[in-house]
């Protein structure tokens, strides 16, 4: 348990170092992605590919090119600017998404709720109060009850223009060409 508590603090602290405007709902998304990967995006592959192509056309991107978001599984966020600049091919990224959607943790909604409550308790003991806005707390509670994934907070979107996809560490290393 102590080891996972350390990982919770490490992952959240790193996120706040990279994105100081992150709120609780952004951290929820981070831990969700680090557990389940892109499973939720790949339920309809045609729609997922269309959204991917649309998002690559954006004009503003975060400065962070990739980020290790591993929590219960090994996943990375890969900035879509790498696809826009043709450093990673869209077909290769899409193959990575399909494969990565099969390796996320298998948990029931109830198990995830229990895990998130543990994560949030650790976060509340270790992070600044500014992370826990009333809006973000309500958003997370609603997401837990409904089982849906959250979008990034308006603070986060406005500050960082997040356009990325979550892929497994194996695929990240294959696409980027380095062991991380």
N, C-alpha and C. Protein backbone atom coordinates (compact mmCIF):
# COMPACT_ATOMS: atom_id res chain seq x y z
N UNK A 1 0.83 -1.20 0.00
CA UNK A 1 0.00 0.00 0.00
C UNK A 1 0.87 1.26 0.00
N UNK A 2 1.94 1.24 0.81
CA UNK A 2 2.83 2.39 0.90
C UNK A 2 3.43 2.74 -0.46
N UNK A 3 3.80 1.70 -1.22
CA UNK A 3 4.39 1.91 -2.54
C UNK A 3 3.40 2.60 -3.47
N UNK A 4 2.14 2.19 -3.45
CA UNK A 4 1.13 2.82 -4.30
C UNK A 4 0.86 4.25 -3.84
N UNK A 5 0.88 4.50 -2.53
CA UNK A 5 0.71 5.87 -2.04
C UNK A 5 1.83 6.76 -2.56
N UNK A 6 3.05 6.23 -2.57
CA UNK A 6 4.18 7.00 -3.13
C UNK A 6 3.96 7.29 -4.61
N UNK A 7 3.45 6.30 -5.34
CA UNK A 7 3.21 6.50 -6.78
C UNK A 7 2.12 7.56 -6.98
N UNK A 8 1.12 7.56 -6.14
CA UNK A 8 0.05 8.56 -6.25
C UNK A 8 0.64 9.96 -6.10
N UNK A 9 1.43 10.17 -5.07
CA UNK A 9 2.02 11.48 -4.82
C UNK A 9 2.99 11.85 -5.95
N UNK A 10 3.80 10.89 -6.38
CA UNK A 10 4.77 11.13 -7.44
C UNK A 10 4.07 11.53 -8.75
N UNK A 11 3.06 10.78 -9.13
CA UNK A 11 2.35 11.04 -10.38
C UNK A 11 1.64 12.39 -10.34
N UNK A 12 0.95 12.68 -9.25
CA UNK A 12 0.23 13.95 -9.13
C UNK A 12 1.20 15.13 -9.06
N UNK A 13 2.28 14.99 -8.33
CA UNK A 13 3.26 16.07 -8.21
C UNK A 13 3.91 16.37 -9.55
N UNK A 14 4.22 15.32 -10.29
CA UNK A 14 4.81 15.52 -11.62
C UNK A 14 3.81 16.24 -12.54
N UNK A 15 2.56 15.85 -12.47
CA UNK A 15 1.53 16.52 -13.28
C UNK A 15 1.46 18.00 -12.92
N UNK A 16 1.49 18.32 -11.63
CA UNK A 16 1.42 19.72 -11.21
C UNK A 16 2.70 20.49 -11.56
N UNK A 17 3.83 19.81 -11.62
CA UNK A 17 5.06 20.46 -12.10
C UNK A 17 4.93 20.84 -13.57
N UNK A 18 4.36 19.94 -14.36
CA UNK A 18 4.19 20.19 -15.80
C UNK A 18 3.02 21.12 -16.08
N UNK A 19 1.96 20.99 -15.30
CA UNK A 19 0.71 21.71 -15.54
C UNK A 19 0.18 22.27 -14.21
N UNK A 20 0.76 23.38 -13.74
CA UNK A 20 0.39 23.91 -12.42
C UNK A 20 -1.08 24.31 -12.28
N UNK A 21 -1.77 24.51 -13.39
CA UNK A 21 -3.19 24.88 -13.34
C UNK A 21 -4.12 23.67 -13.23
N UNK A 22 -3.56 22.48 -13.14
CA UNK A 22 -4.38 21.27 -13.04
C UNK A 22 -5.22 21.30 -11.77
N UNK A 23 -6.43 20.78 -11.90
CA UNK A 23 -7.36 20.69 -10.77
C UNK A 23 -7.66 19.21 -10.52
N UNK A 24 -8.51 18.95 -9.54
CA UNK A 24 -8.82 17.57 -9.16
C UNK A 24 -9.37 16.78 -10.34
N UNK A 25 -10.22 17.39 -11.16
CA UNK A 25 -10.77 16.64 -12.30
C UNK A 25 -9.69 16.26 -13.31
N UNK A 26 -8.66 17.11 -13.45
CA UNK A 26 -7.54 16.77 -14.33
C UNK A 26 -6.73 15.61 -13.75
N UNK A 27 -6.58 15.61 -12.44
CA UNK A 27 -5.87 14.51 -11.79
C UNK A 27 -6.67 13.21 -11.86
N UNK A 28 -7.97 13.32 -11.75
CA UNK A 28 -8.83 12.14 -11.91
C UNK A 28 -8.60 11.54 -13.30
N UNK A 29 -8.60 12.40 -14.31
CA UNK A 29 -8.38 11.95 -15.69
C UNK A 29 -7.01 11.29 -15.82
N UNK A 30 -6.01 11.87 -15.20
CA UNK A 30 -4.65 11.33 -15.23
C UNK A 30 -4.61 9.90 -14.66
N UNK A 31 -5.19 9.72 -13.48
CA UNK A 31 -5.17 8.39 -12.85
C UNK A 31 -6.05 7.40 -13.61
N UNK A 32 -7.15 7.87 -14.14
CA UNK A 32 -8.02 7.01 -14.95
C UNK A 32 -7.25 6.51 -16.17
N UNK A 33 -6.60 7.44 -16.87
CA UNK A 33 -5.84 7.06 -18.05
C UNK A 33 -4.66 6.15 -17.70
N UNK A 34 -4.04 6.39 -16.56
CA UNK A 34 -2.92 5.56 -16.12
C UNK A 34 -3.33 4.18 -15.66
N UNK A 35 -4.63 3.98 -15.55
CA UNK A 35 -5.17 2.68 -15.15
C UNK A 35 -5.81 1.96 -16.34
N UNK A 36 -6.63 2.66 -17.08
CA UNK A 36 -7.42 2.04 -18.15
C UNK A 36 -6.91 2.31 -19.56
N UNK A 37 -6.03 3.27 -19.72
CA UNK A 37 -5.52 3.59 -21.05
C UNK A 37 -6.61 4.16 -21.95
N UNK A 38 -6.54 3.87 -23.25
CA UNK A 38 -7.48 4.46 -24.21
C UNK A 38 -8.74 3.63 -24.45
N UNK A 39 -9.03 2.68 -23.56
CA UNK A 39 -10.18 1.79 -23.75
C UNK A 39 -11.45 2.53 -24.15
N UNK A 40 -11.77 3.58 -23.41
CA UNK A 40 -13.02 4.32 -23.61
C UNK A 40 -13.08 4.97 -24.99
N UNK A 41 -11.94 5.35 -25.55
CA UNK A 41 -11.92 6.02 -26.86
C UNK A 41 -12.14 5.06 -28.01
N UNK A 42 -11.78 3.81 -27.81
CA UNK A 42 -11.71 2.87 -28.92
C UNK A 42 -12.95 1.98 -29.05
N UNK A 43 -14.02 2.31 -28.35
CA UNK A 43 -15.24 1.52 -28.46
C UNK A 43 -15.83 1.60 -29.86
N UNK A 44 -15.67 2.75 -30.51
CA UNK A 44 -16.08 2.93 -31.91
C UNK A 44 -14.87 3.45 -32.66
N UNK A 45 -14.18 2.55 -33.36
CA UNK A 45 -12.91 2.91 -33.98
C UNK A 45 -13.06 3.93 -35.10
N UNK A 46 -14.16 3.91 -35.83
CA UNK A 46 -14.36 4.89 -36.90
C UNK A 46 -14.48 6.30 -36.32
N UNK A 47 -15.23 6.43 -35.24
CA UNK A 47 -15.37 7.72 -34.57
C UNK A 47 -14.02 8.14 -33.97
N UNK A 48 -13.31 7.20 -33.38
CA UNK A 48 -12.00 7.50 -32.78
C UNK A 48 -11.02 8.03 -33.82
N UNK A 49 -11.03 7.43 -35.00
CA UNK A 49 -10.13 7.87 -36.07
C UNK A 49 -10.53 9.26 -36.57
N UNK A 50 -11.82 9.51 -36.69
CA UNK A 50 -12.30 10.83 -37.13
C UNK A 50 -11.89 11.91 -36.12
N UNK A 51 -12.11 11.66 -34.83
CA UNK A 51 -11.71 12.63 -33.80
C UNK A 51 -10.20 12.86 -33.80
N UNK A 52 -9.45 11.80 -33.99
CA UNK A 52 -7.99 11.92 -34.04
C UNK A 52 -7.57 12.83 -35.19
N UNK A 53 -8.12 12.60 -36.37
CA UNK A 53 -7.78 13.43 -37.53
C UNK A 53 -8.17 14.89 -37.30
N UNK A 54 -9.34 15.12 -36.71
CA UNK A 54 -9.78 16.49 -36.42
C UNK A 54 -8.86 17.17 -35.42
N UNK A 55 -8.47 16.45 -34.41
CA UNK A 55 -7.66 17.04 -33.35
C UNK A 55 -6.24 17.36 -33.82
N UNK A 56 -5.74 16.58 -34.75
CA UNK A 56 -4.40 16.85 -35.30
C UNK A 56 -4.39 18.19 -36.03
N UNK A 57 -5.52 18.62 -36.54
CA UNK A 57 -5.61 19.90 -37.26
C UNK A 57 -5.61 21.12 -36.35
N UNK A 58 -5.61 20.92 -35.04
CA UNK A 58 -5.60 22.06 -34.11
C UNK A 58 -4.34 22.89 -34.31
N UNK A 59 -4.42 24.14 -33.92
CA UNK A 59 -3.29 25.05 -34.08
C UNK A 59 -2.43 25.19 -32.84
N UNK A 60 -2.99 24.92 -31.67
CA UNK A 60 -2.24 25.08 -30.43
C UNK A 60 -2.12 23.75 -29.71
N UNK A 61 -0.90 23.48 -29.25
CA UNK A 61 -0.62 22.23 -28.55
C UNK A 61 0.17 22.52 -27.27
N UNK A 62 0.05 21.62 -26.32
CA UNK A 62 0.83 21.68 -25.10
C UNK A 62 2.32 21.59 -25.46
N UNK A 63 3.17 22.13 -24.59
CA UNK A 63 4.62 22.04 -24.79
C UNK A 63 5.17 20.67 -24.43
N UNK A 64 4.45 19.92 -23.62
CA UNK A 64 4.90 18.60 -23.18
C UNK A 64 4.65 17.60 -24.31
N UNK A 65 5.71 17.01 -24.84
CA UNK A 65 5.57 16.11 -25.99
C UNK A 65 5.08 14.72 -25.59
N UNK A 66 5.48 14.26 -24.43
CA UNK A 66 4.97 13.01 -23.90
C UNK A 66 5.08 13.02 -22.39
N UNK A 67 4.27 12.17 -21.78
CA UNK A 67 4.21 12.14 -20.32
C UNK A 67 3.86 10.74 -19.86
N UNK A 68 4.66 10.23 -18.95
CA UNK A 68 4.38 8.93 -18.34
C UNK A 68 3.22 9.11 -17.36
N UNK A 69 2.10 8.45 -17.63
CA UNK A 69 0.92 8.55 -16.76
C UNK A 69 0.63 7.21 -16.09
N UNK A 70 1.61 6.34 -16.06
CA UNK A 70 1.43 4.98 -15.53
C UNK A 70 0.99 5.02 -14.08
N UNK A 71 -0.10 4.32 -13.82
CA UNK A 71 -0.54 4.13 -12.44
C UNK A 71 -0.69 2.63 -12.19
N UNK A 72 -1.82 2.04 -12.53
CA UNK A 72 -1.99 0.60 -12.35
C UNK A 72 -1.49 -0.17 -13.57
N UNK A 73 -1.37 0.52 -14.68
CA UNK A 73 -0.81 -0.05 -15.91
C UNK A 73 0.20 0.95 -16.47
N UNK A 74 0.96 0.55 -17.49
CA UNK A 74 2.02 1.39 -18.06
C UNK A 74 1.52 2.11 -19.31
N UNK A 75 1.19 3.40 -19.14
CA UNK A 75 0.68 4.20 -20.25
C UNK A 75 1.39 5.55 -20.33
N UNK A 76 1.44 6.07 -21.55
CA UNK A 76 2.01 7.39 -21.82
C UNK A 76 1.00 8.23 -22.59
N UNK A 77 1.01 9.53 -22.32
CA UNK A 77 0.32 10.49 -23.17
C UNK A 77 1.30 10.91 -24.25
N UNK A 78 0.85 10.87 -25.49
CA UNK A 78 1.67 11.27 -26.63
C UNK A 78 1.00 12.48 -27.28
N UNK A 79 1.71 13.61 -27.30
CA UNK A 79 1.19 14.85 -27.84
C UNK A 79 0.96 14.69 -29.35
N UNK A 80 -0.20 15.12 -29.82
CA UNK A 80 -0.53 14.98 -31.24
C UNK A 80 0.26 15.91 -32.14
N UNK A 81 0.98 16.87 -31.57
CA UNK A 81 1.85 17.70 -32.40
C UNK A 81 2.91 16.83 -33.07
N UNK A 82 3.27 15.71 -32.46
CA UNK A 82 4.23 14.78 -33.06
C UNK A 82 3.66 14.14 -34.33
N UNK A 83 2.36 13.97 -34.36
CA UNK A 83 1.70 13.44 -35.56
C UNK A 83 1.56 14.56 -36.59
N UNK A 84 1.14 15.72 -36.13
CA UNK A 84 0.99 16.87 -37.03
C UNK A 84 2.31 17.18 -37.74
N UNK A 85 3.41 17.08 -37.01
CA UNK A 85 4.74 17.36 -37.59
C UNK A 85 5.35 16.14 -38.28
N UNK A 86 4.59 15.07 -38.37
CA UNK A 86 4.97 13.83 -39.06
C UNK A 86 6.18 13.12 -38.44
N UNK A 87 6.37 13.34 -37.14
CA UNK A 87 7.39 12.57 -36.43
C UNK A 87 6.84 11.19 -36.07
N UNK A 88 5.52 11.10 -35.98
CA UNK A 88 4.81 9.84 -35.78
C UNK A 88 3.70 9.81 -36.83
N UNK A 89 3.57 8.71 -37.53
CA UNK A 89 2.52 8.60 -38.56
C UNK A 89 1.18 8.31 -37.92
N UNK A 90 0.12 8.90 -38.46
CA UNK A 90 -1.22 8.72 -37.90
C UNK A 90 -1.62 7.25 -37.91
N UNK A 91 -1.28 6.52 -38.97
CA UNK A 91 -1.62 5.09 -39.03
C UNK A 91 -0.93 4.30 -37.92
N UNK A 92 0.32 4.65 -37.65
CA UNK A 92 1.05 3.97 -36.57
C UNK A 92 0.44 4.29 -35.21
N UNK A 93 0.08 5.56 -35.00
CA UNK A 93 -0.55 5.93 -33.74
C UNK A 93 -1.88 5.22 -33.58
N UNK A 94 -2.64 5.13 -34.65
CA UNK A 94 -3.94 4.47 -34.54
C UNK A 94 -3.78 2.98 -34.22
N UNK A 95 -2.79 2.34 -34.83
CA UNK A 95 -2.50 0.94 -34.49
C UNK A 95 -2.13 0.82 -33.01
N UNK A 96 -1.36 1.78 -32.53
CA UNK A 96 -0.97 1.80 -31.11
C UNK A 96 -2.19 1.96 -30.21
N UNK A 97 -3.12 2.80 -30.62
CA UNK A 97 -4.35 3.01 -29.84
C UNK A 97 -5.18 1.74 -29.76
N UNK A 98 -5.34 1.09 -30.90
CA UNK A 98 -6.13 -0.15 -30.93
C UNK A 98 -5.49 -1.20 -30.02
N UNK A 99 -4.18 -1.39 -30.16
CA UNK A 99 -3.49 -2.39 -29.33
C UNK A 99 -3.51 -1.99 -27.85
N UNK A 100 -3.30 -0.72 -27.57
CA UNK A 100 -3.25 -0.24 -26.18
C UNK A 100 -4.60 -0.33 -25.49
N UNK A 101 -5.67 -0.26 -26.27
CA UNK A 101 -7.01 -0.32 -25.67
C UNK A 101 -7.30 -1.71 -25.09
N UNK A 102 -6.48 -2.67 -25.44
CA UNK A 102 -6.69 -4.05 -24.97
C UNK A 102 -5.90 -4.37 -23.70
N UNK A 103 -5.04 -3.45 -23.25
CA UNK A 103 -4.16 -3.79 -22.13
C UNK A 103 -4.46 -3.04 -20.84
N UNK A 104 -5.47 -2.22 -20.81
CA UNK A 104 -5.82 -1.49 -19.59
C UNK A 104 -6.31 -2.43 -18.50
N UNK A 105 -6.30 -1.93 -17.29
CA UNK A 105 -6.75 -2.71 -16.13
C UNK A 105 -8.21 -3.12 -16.28
N UNK A 106 -8.53 -4.28 -15.77
CA UNK A 106 -9.92 -4.74 -15.74
C UNK A 106 -10.44 -4.55 -14.32
N UNK A 107 -11.29 -3.57 -14.16
CA UNK A 107 -11.88 -3.28 -12.84
C UNK A 107 -13.35 -2.98 -13.04
N UNK A 108 -14.13 -3.34 -12.07
CA UNK A 108 -15.53 -2.94 -12.10
C UNK A 108 -15.62 -1.46 -11.74
N UNK A 109 -16.75 -0.87 -12.04
CA UNK A 109 -16.96 0.53 -11.67
C UNK A 109 -16.86 0.71 -10.16
N UNK A 110 -17.38 -0.23 -9.42
CA UNK A 110 -17.30 -0.15 -7.95
C UNK A 110 -15.86 -0.25 -7.46
N UNK A 111 -15.07 -1.14 -8.06
CA UNK A 111 -13.66 -1.25 -7.68
C UNK A 111 -12.91 0.05 -7.98
N UNK A 112 -13.22 0.65 -9.13
CA UNK A 112 -12.58 1.92 -9.48
C UNK A 112 -12.98 3.02 -8.50
N UNK A 113 -14.24 3.05 -8.09
CA UNK A 113 -14.69 4.05 -7.11
C UNK A 113 -13.90 3.93 -5.81
N UNK A 114 -13.72 2.71 -5.36
CA UNK A 114 -12.96 2.47 -4.12
C UNK A 114 -11.51 2.92 -4.31
N UNK A 115 -10.92 2.56 -5.44
CA UNK A 115 -9.53 2.95 -5.72
C UNK A 115 -9.41 4.47 -5.79
N UNK A 116 -10.35 5.12 -6.47
CA UNK A 116 -10.29 6.59 -6.57
C UNK A 116 -10.42 7.23 -5.18
N UNK A 117 -11.28 6.71 -4.34
CA UNK A 117 -11.43 7.28 -3.00
C UNK A 117 -10.11 7.21 -2.23
N UNK A 118 -9.38 6.13 -2.42
CA UNK A 118 -8.07 5.99 -1.79
C UNK A 118 -7.08 7.00 -2.39
N UNK A 119 -7.09 7.12 -3.72
CA UNK A 119 -6.22 8.08 -4.40
C UNK A 119 -6.52 9.49 -3.90
N UNK A 120 -7.80 9.85 -3.88
CA UNK A 120 -8.18 11.21 -3.49
C UNK A 120 -7.77 11.51 -2.04
N UNK A 121 -7.89 10.54 -1.16
CA UNK A 121 -7.49 10.74 0.24
C UNK A 121 -5.99 11.06 0.32
N UNK A 122 -5.19 10.33 -0.45
CA UNK A 122 -3.74 10.59 -0.47
C UNK A 122 -3.47 11.98 -1.06
N UNK A 123 -4.18 12.32 -2.14
CA UNK A 123 -3.99 13.64 -2.77
C UNK A 123 -4.33 14.77 -1.80
N UNK A 124 -5.43 14.62 -1.09
CA UNK A 124 -5.86 15.69 -0.16
C UNK A 124 -4.86 15.88 0.98
N UNK A 125 -4.13 14.83 1.32
CA UNK A 125 -3.11 14.93 2.37
C UNK A 125 -1.79 15.51 1.86
N UNK A 126 -1.62 15.59 0.54
CA UNK A 126 -0.28 15.93 0.03
C UNK A 126 -0.23 17.09 -0.97
N UNK A 127 -1.37 17.54 -1.46
CA UNK A 127 -1.35 18.59 -2.49
C UNK A 127 -1.93 19.89 -1.98
N UNK A 128 -1.62 21.00 -2.65
CA UNK A 128 -2.18 22.29 -2.24
C UNK A 128 -3.70 22.33 -2.37
N UNK A 129 -4.32 23.08 -1.51
CA UNK A 129 -5.78 23.20 -1.48
C UNK A 129 -6.35 23.73 -2.79
N UNK A 130 -5.56 24.52 -3.53
CA UNK A 130 -6.03 25.12 -4.78
C UNK A 130 -6.43 24.08 -5.83
N UNK A 131 -5.92 22.87 -5.70
CA UNK A 131 -6.26 21.78 -6.63
C UNK A 131 -7.72 21.36 -6.46
N UNK A 132 -8.25 21.51 -5.26
CA UNK A 132 -9.55 20.96 -4.90
C UNK A 132 -10.65 22.02 -4.96
N UNK A 133 -10.90 22.54 -6.15
CA UNK A 133 -11.96 23.55 -6.29
C UNK A 133 -13.32 22.87 -6.12
N UNK A 134 -14.33 23.63 -5.71
CA UNK A 134 -15.67 23.03 -5.60
C UNK A 134 -16.15 22.43 -6.92
N UNK A 135 -15.89 23.14 -8.03
CA UNK A 135 -16.34 22.63 -9.35
C UNK A 135 -15.67 21.31 -9.68
N UNK A 136 -14.35 21.23 -9.44
CA UNK A 136 -13.65 19.99 -9.79
C UNK A 136 -14.07 18.83 -8.90
N UNK A 137 -14.34 19.11 -7.65
CA UNK A 137 -14.80 18.07 -6.73
C UNK A 137 -16.16 17.53 -7.16
N UNK A 138 -17.06 18.43 -7.55
CA UNK A 138 -18.39 18.01 -8.03
C UNK A 138 -18.26 17.22 -9.33
N UNK A 139 -17.41 17.68 -10.25
CA UNK A 139 -17.23 16.97 -11.53
C UNK A 139 -16.75 15.55 -11.32
N UNK A 140 -15.80 15.39 -10.41
CA UNK A 140 -15.27 14.04 -10.13
C UNK A 140 -16.35 13.17 -9.51
N UNK A 141 -17.09 13.72 -8.57
CA UNK A 141 -18.16 12.94 -7.93
C UNK A 141 -19.18 12.48 -8.97
N UNK A 142 -19.58 13.38 -9.87
CA UNK A 142 -20.54 13.02 -10.92
C UNK A 142 -19.97 11.96 -11.86
N UNK A 143 -18.70 12.08 -12.20
CA UNK A 143 -18.07 11.10 -13.08
C UNK A 143 -18.03 9.72 -12.42
N UNK A 144 -17.71 9.69 -11.15
CA UNK A 144 -17.69 8.41 -10.43
C UNK A 144 -19.06 7.76 -10.41
N UNK A 145 -20.09 8.56 -10.17
CA UNK A 145 -21.45 8.03 -10.10
C UNK A 145 -21.95 7.55 -11.46
N UNK A 146 -21.60 8.28 -12.51
CA UNK A 146 -22.12 7.96 -13.84
C UNK A 146 -21.24 6.96 -14.59
N UNK A 147 -19.99 6.84 -14.17
CA UNK A 147 -19.07 5.95 -14.87
C UNK A 147 -18.45 6.56 -16.11
N UNK A 148 -18.65 7.84 -16.31
CA UNK A 148 -18.08 8.48 -17.51
C UNK A 148 -16.71 9.08 -17.20
N UNK A 149 -15.92 9.27 -18.25
CA UNK A 149 -14.63 9.91 -18.10
C UNK A 149 -14.80 11.41 -18.21
N UNK A 150 -14.04 12.14 -17.46
CA UNK A 150 -14.10 13.60 -17.47
C UNK A 150 -13.28 14.18 -18.60
N UNK A 151 -13.67 15.37 -19.02
CA UNK A 151 -12.82 16.19 -19.88
C UNK A 151 -11.91 16.99 -18.96
N UNK A 152 -10.85 17.57 -19.52
CA UNK A 152 -10.00 18.42 -18.71
C UNK A 152 -10.77 19.65 -18.25
N UNK A 153 -10.34 20.21 -17.13
CA UNK A 153 -10.97 21.43 -16.60
C UNK A 153 -10.75 22.59 -17.57
N UNK A 154 -11.58 23.60 -17.45
CA UNK A 154 -11.44 24.78 -18.31
C UNK A 154 -10.09 25.46 -18.06
N UNK A 155 -9.61 25.44 -16.81
CA UNK A 155 -8.29 26.01 -16.50
C UNK A 155 -7.21 25.30 -17.33
N UNK A 156 -7.29 23.99 -17.33
CA UNK A 156 -6.29 23.16 -18.00
C UNK A 156 -6.36 23.38 -19.51
N UNK A 157 -7.55 23.34 -20.07
CA UNK A 157 -7.71 23.53 -21.52
C UNK A 157 -7.19 24.89 -21.96
N UNK A 158 -7.55 25.91 -21.21
CA UNK A 158 -7.15 27.28 -21.55
C UNK A 158 -5.63 27.46 -21.45
N UNK A 159 -5.03 26.85 -20.47
CA UNK A 159 -3.60 27.03 -20.22
C UNK A 159 -2.71 26.14 -21.07
N UNK A 160 -3.17 24.94 -21.40
CA UNK A 160 -2.25 23.95 -21.99
C UNK A 160 -2.66 23.38 -23.35
N UNK A 161 -3.87 23.59 -23.78
CA UNK A 161 -4.31 23.06 -25.09
C UNK A 161 -3.94 21.58 -25.23
N UNK A 162 -4.50 20.74 -24.38
CA UNK A 162 -4.12 19.32 -24.39
C UNK A 162 -4.71 18.57 -25.59
N UNK A 163 -3.84 18.14 -26.46
CA UNK A 163 -4.23 17.31 -27.61
C UNK A 163 -3.25 16.14 -27.64
N UNK A 164 -3.68 15.02 -27.11
CA UNK A 164 -2.81 13.86 -26.99
C UNK A 164 -3.65 12.60 -27.07
N UNK A 165 -2.96 11.47 -27.15
CA UNK A 165 -3.60 10.17 -27.01
C UNK A 165 -2.77 9.35 -26.03
N UNK A 166 -3.44 8.45 -25.35
CA UNK A 166 -2.79 7.58 -24.36
C UNK A 166 -2.53 6.23 -25.02
N UNK A 167 -1.27 5.81 -24.94
CA UNK A 167 -0.87 4.52 -25.51
C UNK A 167 0.00 3.77 -24.49
N UNK A 168 0.13 2.48 -24.71
CA UNK A 168 0.93 1.65 -23.80
C UNK A 168 2.41 2.03 -23.90
N UNK A 169 3.13 1.74 -22.84
CA UNK A 169 4.58 2.00 -22.82
C UNK A 169 5.26 1.28 -23.99
N UNK A 170 4.86 0.04 -24.25
CA UNK A 170 5.46 -0.73 -25.34
C UNK A 170 5.31 0.02 -26.67
N UNK A 171 4.11 0.50 -26.95
CA UNK A 171 3.88 1.23 -28.19
C UNK A 171 4.55 2.59 -28.19
N UNK A 172 4.58 3.24 -27.06
CA UNK A 172 5.29 4.52 -26.95
C UNK A 172 6.76 4.33 -27.35
N UNK A 173 7.40 3.32 -26.77
CA UNK A 173 8.81 3.08 -27.06
C UNK A 173 9.01 2.72 -28.53
N UNK A 174 8.09 2.00 -29.10
CA UNK A 174 8.17 1.63 -30.51
C UNK A 174 8.04 2.87 -31.40
N UNK A 175 7.10 3.75 -31.08
CA UNK A 175 6.87 4.93 -31.92
C UNK A 175 7.94 6.00 -31.75
N UNK A 176 8.41 6.18 -30.54
CA UNK A 176 9.39 7.23 -30.26
C UNK A 176 10.82 6.73 -30.49
N UNK A 177 11.00 5.42 -30.40
CA UNK A 177 12.31 4.84 -30.69
C UNK A 177 13.29 4.91 -29.53
N UNK A 178 12.75 4.93 -28.33
CA UNK A 178 13.61 4.97 -27.15
C UNK A 178 12.97 4.18 -26.03
N UNK A 179 13.79 3.68 -25.13
CA UNK A 179 13.27 3.01 -23.94
C UNK A 179 13.14 4.05 -22.85
N UNK A 180 11.99 4.10 -22.23
CA UNK A 180 11.73 5.12 -21.22
C UNK A 180 11.50 4.48 -19.89
